[in-house]
Amino acid sequence: MTTVWLVDRQFDSKGLVRLTYATEDGERTHTKELAEQRLVTGGGITAGREVDDTALGETPADEVERFAAEASKMAAEHDLDDAV
């Protein structure tokens, strides 16, 4: 299992939210999509999560630095299960 931190969230016109979590070095990501309505009824979004190594993908090269900065900031300011 690997710890990843929320680094990006995007909303689309179909009511879906795409959450991107990254490792603190920004090199690996985990993406989750869910219905916007589920955010309201499901308890919200957590600052971090533990994911299986097989659920991680490579970060696009142009996003590594930004994701590393965001993940490090989240890790310093929040516990994994903090709602953000």
C-alpha atoms as a PDB file:
ATOM      1  CA  MET A   1       0.000   0.000   0.000  1.00  0.00           C
ATOM      2  CA  THR A   2       1.121   3.528  -0.791  1.00  0.00           C
ATOM      3  CA  THR A   3      -0.010   6.817   0.707  1.00  0.00           C
ATOM      4  CA  VAL A   4      -1.243   9.396  -1.786  1.00  0.00           C
ATOM      5  CA  TRP A   5      -2.499  12.936  -1.242  1.00  0.00           C
ATOM      6  CA  LEU A   6      -5.179  14.962  -3.029  1.00  0.00           C
ATOM      7  CA  VAL A   7      -3.533  17.224  -5.597  1.00  0.00           C
ATOM      8  CA  ASP A   8      -6.293  18.060  -8.080  1.00  0.00           C
ATOM      9  CA  ARG A   9     -10.049  17.900  -8.538  1.00  0.00           C
ATOM     10  CA  GLN A  10     -11.938  18.598 -11.727  1.00  0.00           C
ATOM     11  CA  PHE A  11     -15.676  18.869 -12.287  1.00  0.00           C
ATOM     12  CA  ASP A  12     -17.253  18.086 -15.650  1.00  0.00           C
ATOM     13  CA  SER A  13     -20.562  19.094 -17.215  1.00  0.00           C
ATOM     14  CA  LYS A  14     -22.038  15.615 -16.609  1.00  0.00           C
ATOM     15  CA  GLY A  15     -21.849  15.917 -12.820  1.00  0.00           C
ATOM     16  CA  LEU A  16     -18.694  13.842 -12.386  1.00  0.00           C
ATOM     17  CA  VAL A  17     -15.760  14.791 -10.201  1.00  0.00           C
ATOM     18  CA  ARG A  18     -12.283  13.535 -11.068  1.00  0.00           C
ATOM     19  CA  LEU A  19     -10.004  13.380  -8.030  1.00  0.00           C
ATOM     20  CA  THR A  20      -6.265  13.011  -8.521  1.00  0.00           C
ATOM     21  CA  TYR A  21      -4.103  11.844  -5.636  1.00  0.00           C
ATOM     22  CA  ALA A  22      -0.297  11.731  -5.863  1.00  0.00           C
ATOM     23  CA  THR A  23       2.669  10.442  -3.916  1.00  0.00           C
ATOM     24  CA  GLU A  24       4.697  13.106  -2.105  1.00  0.00           C
ATOM     25  CA  ASP A  25       7.413  12.944  -4.755  1.00  0.00           C
ATOM     26  CA  GLY A  26       4.765  13.622  -7.421  1.00  0.00           C
ATOM     27  CA  GLU A  27       5.924  10.665  -9.532  1.00  0.00           C
ATOM     28  CA  ARG A  28       2.870   8.392  -9.153  1.00  0.00           C
ATOM     29  CA  THR A  29      -0.857   9.155  -9.215  1.00  0.00           C
ATOM     30  CA  HIS A  30      -4.180   7.559  -8.419  1.00  0.00           C
ATOM     31  CA  THR A  31      -7.334   8.891 -10.047  1.00  0.00           C
ATOM     32  CA  LYS A  32     -10.882   8.366  -8.858  1.00  0.00           C
ATOM     33  CA  GLU A  33     -14.090   9.507 -10.533  1.00  0.00           C
ATOM     34  CA  LEU A  34     -17.391   9.807  -8.749  1.00  0.00           C
ATOM     35  CA  ALA A  35     -20.724  11.521  -9.084  1.00  0.00           C
ATOM     36  CA  GLU A  36     -20.821  15.047  -7.690  1.00  0.00           C
ATOM     37  CA  GLN A  37     -23.941  14.098  -5.695  1.00  0.00           C
ATOM     38  CA  ARG A  38     -21.954  11.370  -3.930  1.00  0.00           C
ATOM     39  CA  LEU A  39     -19.654  14.030  -2.467  1.00  0.00           C
ATOM     40  CA  VAL A  40     -22.626  15.468  -0.609  1.00  0.00           C
ATOM     41  CA  THR A  41     -24.044  12.162   0.617  1.00  0.00           C
ATOM     42  CA  GLY A  42     -20.796  10.191   0.927  1.00  0.00           C
ATOM     43  CA  GLY A  43     -18.962  12.284   3.492  1.00  0.00           C
ATOM     44  CA  GLY A  44     -16.849  14.414   1.180  1.00  0.00           C
ATOM     45  CA  ILE A  45     -13.274  14.138  -0.031  1.00  0.00           C
ATOM     46  CA  THR A  46     -10.358  13.107   2.170  1.00  0.00           C
ATOM     47  CA  ALA A  47      -6.925  14.716   2.114  1.00  0.00           C
ATOM     48  CA  GLY A  48      -5.219  11.409   1.466  1.00  0.00           C
ATOM     49  CA  ARG A  49      -5.711   7.707   1.113  1.00  0.00           C
ATOM     50  CA  GLU A  50      -3.888   4.398   1.068  1.00  0.00           C
ATOM     51  CA  VAL A  51      -3.982   2.663  -2.310  1.00  0.00           C
ATOM     52  CA  ASP A  52      -2.588  -0.583  -3.645  1.00  0.00           C
ATOM     53  CA  ASP A  53       0.602  -0.123  -5.651  1.00  0.00           C
ATOM     54  CA  THR A  54      -1.111  -1.665  -8.676  1.00  0.00           C
ATOM     55  CA  ALA A  55      -3.637   1.225  -8.655  1.00  0.00           C
ATOM     56  CA  LEU A  56      -0.911   3.820  -9.261  1.00  0.00           C
ATOM     57  CA  GLY A  57       0.017   5.291 -12.612  1.00  0.00           C
ATOM     58  CA  GLU A  58       2.823   7.515 -13.783  1.00  0.00           C
ATOM     59  CA  THR A  59       2.363  11.257 -13.537  1.00  0.00           C
ATOM     60  CA  PRO A  60       2.655  13.217 -16.795  1.00  0.00           C
ATOM     61  CA  ALA A  61       6.123  14.819 -16.833  1.00  0.00           C
ATOM     62  CA  ASP A  62       4.702  18.355 -16.939  1.00  0.00           C
ATOM     63  CA  GLU A  63       2.713  17.762 -13.722  1.00  0.00           C
ATOM     64  CA  VAL A  64       5.321  16.043 -11.484  1.00  0.00           C
ATOM     65  CA  GLU A  65       6.645  19.216  -9.859  1.00  0.00           C
ATOM     66  CA  ARG A  66       3.173  20.681  -9.210  1.00  0.00           C
ATOM     67  CA  PHE A  67       1.811  17.389  -7.851  1.00  0.00           C
ATOM     68  CA  ALA A  68       4.854  16.955  -5.577  1.00  0.00           C
ATOM     69  CA  ALA A  69       4.352  20.442  -4.145  1.00  0.00           C
ATOM     70  CA  GLU A  70       0.611  19.924  -3.619  1.00  0.00           C
ATOM     71  CA  ALA A  71       1.029  16.445  -2.097  1.00  0.00           C
ATOM     72  CA  SER A  72       3.743  17.636   0.292  1.00  0.00           C
ATOM     73  CA  LYS A  73       1.586  20.566   1.374  1.00  0.00           C
ATOM     74  CA  MET A  74      -1.424  18.313   2.012  1.00  0.00           C
ATOM     75  CA  ALA A  75       0.719  15.824   3.959  1.00  0.00           C
ATOM     76  CA  ALA A  76       2.123  18.602   6.153  1.00  0.00           C
ATOM     77  CA  GLU A  77      -1.254  20.177   6.875  1.00  0.00           C
ATOM     78  CA  HIS A  78      -3.677  17.221   7.105  1.00  0.00           C
ATOM     79  CA  ASP A  79      -4.200  13.691   8.342  1.00  0.00           C
ATOM     80  CA  LEU A  80      -5.209  11.127   5.700  1.00  0.00           C
ATOM     81  CA  ASP A  81      -8.857  11.071   6.734  1.00  0.00           C
ATOM     82  CA  ASP A  82      -9.323  14.854   7.068  1.00  0.00           C
ATOM     83  CA  ALA A  83     -12.192  16.108   4.918  1.00  0.00           C
ATOM     84  CA  VAL A  84     -11.059  18.754   2.439  1.00  0.00           C
END
